N, C-alpha and C. Protein backbone atom coordinates (compact mmCIF):
# COMPACT_ATOMS: atom_id res chain seq x y z
N MET A 1 -7.84 -14.65 -4.52
CA MET A 1 -8.77 -13.57 -4.25
C MET A 1 -8.51 -12.45 -5.26
N ALA A 2 -9.57 -11.95 -5.87
CA ALA A 2 -9.46 -10.87 -6.84
C ALA A 2 -9.19 -9.55 -6.10
N PHE A 3 -8.47 -8.68 -6.75
CA PHE A 3 -8.17 -7.37 -6.17
C PHE A 3 -9.25 -6.38 -6.57
N ASN A 4 -9.65 -5.55 -5.62
CA ASN A 4 -10.51 -4.42 -5.95
C ASN A 4 -10.23 -3.30 -4.97
N VAL A 5 -10.68 -2.12 -5.32
CA VAL A 5 -10.46 -0.96 -4.47
C VAL A 5 -11.69 -0.06 -4.54
N THR A 6 -12.06 0.47 -3.39
CA THR A 6 -13.13 1.46 -3.33
C THR A 6 -12.57 2.72 -2.70
N ILE A 7 -13.09 3.85 -3.13
CA ILE A 7 -12.70 5.14 -2.57
C ILE A 7 -13.98 5.90 -2.28
N GLU A 8 -14.11 6.36 -1.05
CA GLU A 8 -15.33 7.08 -0.68
C GLU A 8 -15.00 8.22 0.28
N ASP A 9 -15.88 9.19 0.32
CA ASP A 9 -15.72 10.31 1.25
C ASP A 9 -16.09 9.85 2.65
N LEU A 10 -15.21 10.13 3.59
CA LEU A 10 -15.51 9.85 4.99
C LEU A 10 -16.16 11.08 5.61
N ARG A 11 -15.55 12.20 5.37
CA ARG A 11 -16.08 13.51 5.79
C ARG A 11 -15.33 14.56 4.98
N GLU A 12 -15.64 15.79 5.17
CA GLU A 12 -14.99 16.88 4.44
C GLU A 12 -13.48 16.78 4.58
N GLY A 13 -12.78 16.67 3.47
CA GLY A 13 -11.33 16.64 3.47
C GLY A 13 -10.69 15.29 3.73
N VAL A 14 -11.51 14.24 3.86
CA VAL A 14 -10.96 12.90 4.12
C VAL A 14 -11.66 11.89 3.20
N LYS A 15 -10.85 11.18 2.45
CA LYS A 15 -11.34 10.09 1.61
C LYS A 15 -10.73 8.79 2.12
N VAL A 16 -11.52 7.74 2.13
CA VAL A 16 -11.06 6.43 2.56
C VAL A 16 -10.83 5.56 1.33
N VAL A 17 -9.65 4.98 1.26
CA VAL A 17 -9.28 4.07 0.18
C VAL A 17 -9.22 2.67 0.80
N ARG A 18 -9.99 1.74 0.22
CA ARG A 18 -10.04 0.38 0.76
C ARG A 18 -9.60 -0.63 -0.31
N PRO A 19 -8.31 -0.97 -0.32
CA PRO A 19 -7.86 -2.02 -1.23
C PRO A 19 -8.16 -3.39 -0.62
N VAL A 20 -8.59 -4.32 -1.47
CA VAL A 20 -8.93 -5.67 -1.01
C VAL A 20 -8.25 -6.68 -1.91
N GLY A 21 -7.59 -7.65 -1.30
CA GLY A 21 -6.93 -8.71 -2.07
C GLY A 21 -5.42 -8.58 -2.01
N ARG A 22 -4.79 -8.92 -3.14
CA ARG A 22 -3.33 -8.88 -3.26
C ARG A 22 -2.93 -7.70 -4.13
N LEU A 23 -2.10 -6.83 -3.57
CA LEU A 23 -1.60 -5.68 -4.31
C LEU A 23 -0.18 -6.01 -4.77
N ASP A 24 -0.07 -6.42 -6.02
CA ASP A 24 1.21 -6.91 -6.53
C ASP A 24 1.43 -6.47 -7.96
N THR A 25 2.34 -7.13 -8.66
CA THR A 25 2.70 -6.71 -10.02
C THR A 25 1.53 -6.84 -11.00
N THR A 26 0.58 -7.68 -10.72
CA THR A 26 -0.55 -7.83 -11.64
C THR A 26 -1.72 -6.91 -11.30
N THR A 27 -1.72 -6.33 -10.10
CA THR A 27 -2.87 -5.52 -9.68
C THR A 27 -2.53 -4.07 -9.35
N HIS A 28 -1.27 -3.73 -9.23
CA HIS A 28 -0.91 -2.37 -8.80
C HIS A 28 -1.45 -1.29 -9.74
N ALA A 29 -1.54 -1.59 -11.03
CA ALA A 29 -2.05 -0.59 -11.99
C ALA A 29 -3.51 -0.26 -11.71
N MET A 30 -4.27 -1.23 -11.21
CA MET A 30 -5.68 -0.96 -10.87
C MET A 30 -5.78 0.10 -9.77
N LEU A 31 -4.93 -0.03 -8.76
CA LEU A 31 -4.94 0.96 -7.68
C LEU A 31 -4.45 2.31 -8.19
N ASP A 32 -3.40 2.30 -8.98
CA ASP A 32 -2.86 3.53 -9.54
C ASP A 32 -3.92 4.27 -10.37
N THR A 33 -4.65 3.52 -11.20
CA THR A 33 -5.70 4.10 -12.04
C THR A 33 -6.84 4.67 -11.18
N ALA A 34 -7.22 3.95 -10.14
CA ALA A 34 -8.30 4.41 -9.26
C ALA A 34 -7.91 5.68 -8.51
N LEU A 35 -6.63 5.78 -8.14
CA LEU A 35 -6.17 6.93 -7.35
C LEU A 35 -5.89 8.17 -8.19
N ALA A 36 -5.58 7.99 -9.46
CA ALA A 36 -5.15 9.11 -10.31
C ALA A 36 -6.09 10.31 -10.28
N PRO A 37 -7.41 10.13 -10.50
CA PRO A 37 -8.28 11.31 -10.48
C PRO A 37 -8.41 11.94 -9.09
N VAL A 38 -8.30 11.14 -8.06
CA VAL A 38 -8.39 11.67 -6.69
C VAL A 38 -7.16 12.52 -6.40
N VAL A 39 -6.00 11.99 -6.69
CA VAL A 39 -4.75 12.69 -6.42
C VAL A 39 -4.65 13.97 -7.24
N ALA A 40 -5.22 13.96 -8.43
CA ALA A 40 -5.13 15.11 -9.32
C ALA A 40 -5.84 16.35 -8.79
N ASP A 41 -6.93 16.17 -8.01
CA ASP A 41 -7.68 17.35 -7.58
C ASP A 41 -8.12 17.32 -6.12
N PHE A 42 -7.36 16.65 -5.28
CA PHE A 42 -7.72 16.54 -3.87
C PHE A 42 -6.51 16.89 -3.02
N SER A 43 -6.70 17.76 -2.04
CA SER A 43 -5.58 18.15 -1.19
C SER A 43 -5.84 17.87 0.29
N GLY A 44 -6.74 16.94 0.54
CA GLY A 44 -7.04 16.57 1.92
C GLY A 44 -6.23 15.36 2.36
N THR A 45 -6.86 14.48 3.09
CA THR A 45 -6.21 13.28 3.61
C THR A 45 -6.79 12.05 2.94
N LEU A 46 -5.91 11.21 2.45
CA LEU A 46 -6.30 9.88 1.97
C LEU A 46 -6.00 8.90 3.08
N LEU A 47 -7.02 8.26 3.58
CA LEU A 47 -6.87 7.26 4.63
C LEU A 47 -6.99 5.88 3.97
N PHE A 48 -5.90 5.15 3.95
CA PHE A 48 -5.91 3.80 3.41
C PHE A 48 -6.30 2.85 4.53
N SER A 49 -7.49 2.28 4.43
CA SER A 49 -7.95 1.26 5.37
C SER A 49 -7.55 -0.08 4.78
N MET A 50 -6.57 -0.73 5.40
CA MET A 50 -5.94 -1.92 4.82
C MET A 50 -6.52 -3.23 5.35
N THR A 51 -7.70 -3.19 5.93
CA THR A 51 -8.32 -4.39 6.50
C THR A 51 -8.39 -5.54 5.51
N GLY A 52 -8.71 -5.25 4.27
CA GLY A 52 -8.90 -6.30 3.27
C GLY A 52 -7.66 -6.63 2.46
N LEU A 53 -6.55 -5.95 2.72
CA LEU A 53 -5.33 -6.21 1.96
C LEU A 53 -4.61 -7.42 2.54
N GLU A 54 -4.40 -8.43 1.71
CA GLU A 54 -3.78 -9.68 2.15
C GLU A 54 -2.28 -9.75 1.89
N PHE A 55 -1.81 -9.00 0.88
CA PHE A 55 -0.42 -9.11 0.43
C PHE A 55 -0.05 -7.83 -0.29
N ILE A 56 1.21 -7.41 -0.15
CA ILE A 56 1.70 -6.26 -0.89
C ILE A 56 3.10 -6.54 -1.39
N SER A 57 3.35 -6.24 -2.65
CA SER A 57 4.68 -6.41 -3.24
C SER A 57 5.33 -5.04 -3.40
N SER A 58 6.54 -5.03 -3.92
CA SER A 58 7.22 -3.76 -4.14
C SER A 58 6.47 -2.91 -5.16
N ALA A 59 5.80 -3.53 -6.11
CA ALA A 59 5.00 -2.77 -7.08
C ALA A 59 3.85 -2.06 -6.37
N GLY A 60 3.22 -2.73 -5.44
CA GLY A 60 2.16 -2.11 -4.65
C GLY A 60 2.68 -0.98 -3.79
N LEU A 61 3.83 -1.22 -3.16
CA LEU A 61 4.45 -0.17 -2.35
C LEU A 61 4.76 1.06 -3.19
N SER A 62 5.21 0.84 -4.41
CA SER A 62 5.57 1.98 -5.26
C SER A 62 4.35 2.86 -5.54
N VAL A 63 3.18 2.27 -5.71
CA VAL A 63 1.96 3.06 -5.93
C VAL A 63 1.66 3.88 -4.67
N LEU A 64 1.81 3.27 -3.50
CA LEU A 64 1.54 3.99 -2.26
C LEU A 64 2.51 5.15 -2.06
N PHE A 65 3.79 4.92 -2.34
CA PHE A 65 4.79 5.97 -2.18
C PHE A 65 4.59 7.09 -3.20
N LYS A 66 4.24 6.71 -4.42
CA LYS A 66 3.95 7.69 -5.48
C LYS A 66 2.76 8.56 -5.07
N THR A 67 1.75 7.92 -4.51
CA THR A 67 0.56 8.65 -4.07
C THR A 67 0.90 9.59 -2.92
N ARG A 68 1.67 9.09 -1.98
CA ARG A 68 2.07 9.94 -0.85
C ARG A 68 2.84 11.17 -1.32
N LYS A 69 3.74 10.98 -2.26
CA LYS A 69 4.53 12.09 -2.79
C LYS A 69 3.64 13.10 -3.52
N ALA A 70 2.72 12.62 -4.34
CA ALA A 70 1.81 13.50 -5.07
C ALA A 70 0.91 14.28 -4.12
N MET A 71 0.40 13.60 -3.10
CA MET A 71 -0.46 14.27 -2.13
C MET A 71 0.31 15.34 -1.37
N ALA A 72 1.54 15.06 -1.00
CA ALA A 72 2.36 16.03 -0.27
C ALA A 72 2.59 17.29 -1.12
N LYS A 73 2.77 17.11 -2.42
CA LYS A 73 2.97 18.27 -3.31
C LYS A 73 1.78 19.20 -3.31
N SER A 74 0.57 18.65 -3.17
CA SER A 74 -0.63 19.47 -3.19
C SER A 74 -1.08 19.88 -1.79
N GLY A 75 -0.27 19.58 -0.78
CA GLY A 75 -0.62 19.95 0.58
C GLY A 75 -1.45 18.90 1.30
N GLY A 76 -1.68 17.76 0.65
CA GLY A 76 -2.45 16.68 1.26
C GLY A 76 -1.54 15.71 1.99
N ARG A 77 -2.15 14.66 2.49
CA ARG A 77 -1.35 13.63 3.15
C ARG A 77 -2.00 12.28 3.00
N VAL A 78 -1.20 11.25 3.28
CA VAL A 78 -1.65 9.86 3.21
C VAL A 78 -1.39 9.22 4.56
N VAL A 79 -2.40 8.52 5.08
CA VAL A 79 -2.24 7.77 6.33
C VAL A 79 -2.79 6.36 6.13
N PHE A 80 -2.32 5.44 6.96
CA PHE A 80 -2.70 4.05 6.84
C PHE A 80 -3.29 3.55 8.14
N ALA A 81 -4.26 2.67 8.03
CA ALA A 81 -4.90 2.08 9.22
C ALA A 81 -5.23 0.63 8.95
N ASN A 82 -5.37 -0.13 10.01
CA ASN A 82 -5.84 -1.51 9.96
C ASN A 82 -4.92 -2.44 9.16
N LEU A 83 -3.62 -2.30 9.35
CA LEU A 83 -2.69 -3.17 8.65
C LEU A 83 -2.67 -4.55 9.28
N LYS A 84 -2.78 -5.57 8.46
CA LYS A 84 -2.62 -6.94 8.94
C LYS A 84 -1.15 -7.14 9.29
N PRO A 85 -0.84 -8.11 10.15
CA PRO A 85 0.55 -8.29 10.60
C PRO A 85 1.57 -8.42 9.47
N GLN A 86 1.24 -9.15 8.41
CA GLN A 86 2.20 -9.33 7.33
C GLN A 86 2.43 -8.03 6.55
N ILE A 87 1.41 -7.21 6.44
CA ILE A 87 1.54 -5.92 5.76
C ILE A 87 2.31 -4.95 6.65
N GLU A 88 2.00 -4.97 7.93
CA GLU A 88 2.71 -4.12 8.89
C GLU A 88 4.20 -4.44 8.89
N LYS A 89 4.54 -5.71 8.80
CA LYS A 89 5.94 -6.13 8.77
C LYS A 89 6.66 -5.52 7.56
N VAL A 90 6.02 -5.54 6.41
CA VAL A 90 6.61 -4.95 5.21
C VAL A 90 6.80 -3.44 5.42
N PHE A 91 5.82 -2.76 5.99
CA PHE A 91 5.94 -1.33 6.25
C PHE A 91 7.09 -1.06 7.21
N GLU A 92 7.25 -1.90 8.24
CA GLU A 92 8.36 -1.73 9.20
C GLU A 92 9.70 -1.84 8.49
N ILE A 93 9.83 -2.80 7.62
CA ILE A 93 11.09 -3.00 6.90
C ILE A 93 11.39 -1.81 6.01
N VAL A 94 10.40 -1.35 5.29
CA VAL A 94 10.60 -0.22 4.38
C VAL A 94 10.93 1.04 5.16
N LYS A 95 10.26 1.26 6.27
CA LYS A 95 10.52 2.45 7.08
C LYS A 95 11.91 2.38 7.70
N ALA A 96 12.33 1.20 8.08
CA ALA A 96 13.62 1.04 8.73
C ALA A 96 14.79 1.24 7.78
N LEU A 97 14.58 0.97 6.51
CA LEU A 97 15.66 1.05 5.53
C LEU A 97 15.29 1.92 4.33
N PRO A 98 14.84 3.16 4.56
CA PRO A 98 14.35 3.95 3.43
C PRO A 98 15.41 4.33 2.40
N ASP A 99 16.64 4.50 2.80
CA ASP A 99 17.67 4.97 1.88
C ASP A 99 18.69 3.89 1.53
N THR A 100 18.40 2.65 1.86
CA THR A 100 19.36 1.59 1.63
C THR A 100 18.88 0.67 0.52
N ASN A 101 19.73 0.44 -0.46
CA ASN A 101 19.41 -0.50 -1.53
C ASN A 101 19.98 -1.86 -1.14
N ILE A 102 19.09 -2.78 -0.82
CA ILE A 102 19.58 -4.08 -0.40
C ILE A 102 19.20 -5.19 -1.38
N PHE A 103 18.48 -4.84 -2.43
CA PHE A 103 18.04 -5.83 -3.40
C PHE A 103 18.67 -5.55 -4.76
N THR A 104 18.93 -6.59 -5.50
CA THR A 104 19.53 -6.42 -6.82
C THR A 104 18.50 -6.32 -7.93
N SER A 105 17.25 -6.68 -7.64
CA SER A 105 16.19 -6.61 -8.64
C SER A 105 14.84 -6.53 -7.96
N VAL A 106 13.83 -6.17 -8.74
CA VAL A 106 12.46 -6.15 -8.24
C VAL A 106 12.04 -7.56 -7.85
N GLU A 107 12.45 -8.52 -8.64
CA GLU A 107 12.09 -9.92 -8.36
C GLU A 107 12.66 -10.37 -7.02
N GLU A 108 13.90 -9.98 -6.73
CA GLU A 108 14.52 -10.34 -5.46
C GLU A 108 13.77 -9.69 -4.30
N ALA A 109 13.42 -8.42 -4.46
CA ALA A 109 12.67 -7.71 -3.42
C ALA A 109 11.32 -8.37 -3.19
N ASP A 110 10.62 -8.71 -4.26
CA ASP A 110 9.32 -9.37 -4.13
C ASP A 110 9.44 -10.71 -3.43
N SER A 111 10.45 -11.48 -3.77
CA SER A 111 10.65 -12.79 -3.13
C SER A 111 10.89 -12.63 -1.64
N TYR A 112 11.70 -11.67 -1.27
CA TYR A 112 12.00 -11.42 0.13
C TYR A 112 10.75 -11.00 0.89
N LEU A 113 10.01 -10.04 0.33
CA LEU A 113 8.80 -9.56 0.99
C LEU A 113 7.75 -10.65 1.10
N ALA A 114 7.64 -11.48 0.07
CA ALA A 114 6.68 -12.59 0.10
C ALA A 114 7.04 -13.58 1.20
N ALA A 115 8.30 -13.90 1.34
CA ALA A 115 8.73 -14.86 2.37
C ALA A 115 8.43 -14.33 3.77
N ILE A 116 8.68 -13.06 4.00
CA ILE A 116 8.40 -12.46 5.31
C ILE A 116 6.91 -12.52 5.61
N GLN A 117 6.10 -12.19 4.63
CA GLN A 117 4.66 -12.19 4.85
C GLN A 117 4.13 -13.60 5.10
N GLU A 118 4.66 -14.58 4.39
CA GLU A 118 4.24 -15.96 4.61
C GLU A 118 4.56 -16.40 6.04
N LYS A 119 5.72 -16.00 6.56
CA LYS A 119 6.08 -16.34 7.95
C LYS A 119 5.10 -15.70 8.92
N GLU A 120 4.71 -14.46 8.67
CA GLU A 120 3.76 -13.79 9.55
C GLU A 120 2.39 -14.48 9.50
N ILE A 121 1.98 -14.91 8.32
CA ILE A 121 0.71 -15.62 8.18
C ILE A 121 0.76 -16.94 8.94
N GLU A 122 1.88 -17.65 8.85
CA GLU A 122 2.05 -18.90 9.58
C GLU A 122 1.95 -18.67 11.08
N LYS A 123 2.57 -17.59 11.59
CA LYS A 123 2.50 -17.28 13.01
C LYS A 123 1.06 -17.08 13.47
N GLN A 124 0.24 -16.45 12.62
CA GLN A 124 -1.15 -16.21 12.97
C GLN A 124 -1.92 -17.52 13.09
N GLY A 125 -1.53 -18.51 12.29
CA GLY A 125 -2.23 -19.79 12.29
C GLY A 125 -1.85 -20.68 13.47
N GLU A 126 -0.78 -20.35 14.16
CA GLU A 126 -0.33 -21.20 15.28
C GLU A 126 -1.16 -21.01 16.51
């Protein structure tokens, strides 16, 4: 599945970001590029509607965290909605261990996150 992202105004002060596909090392720059002009001059709320997101790697997470940090600097915020189980699992892990380095490389982190998501996808199919 090809990755794409749309950003639209929901109402005054709220923009909805809809990533679709796999957000990984080959696609994270697309999201970063799409978000750059929004983050540069917007201090409202970015609502990430994750309904169409099938997979996220550490590279994808880094774009989300970078965006959250930039929005916080300008008085804005980032919120997430509609996470699929495999994406929610990754968010749980990251939230649970925010200050702990448990991986020796980006590749190791990606492999671990991919394995967890595959297990969650398998559970859905049962």
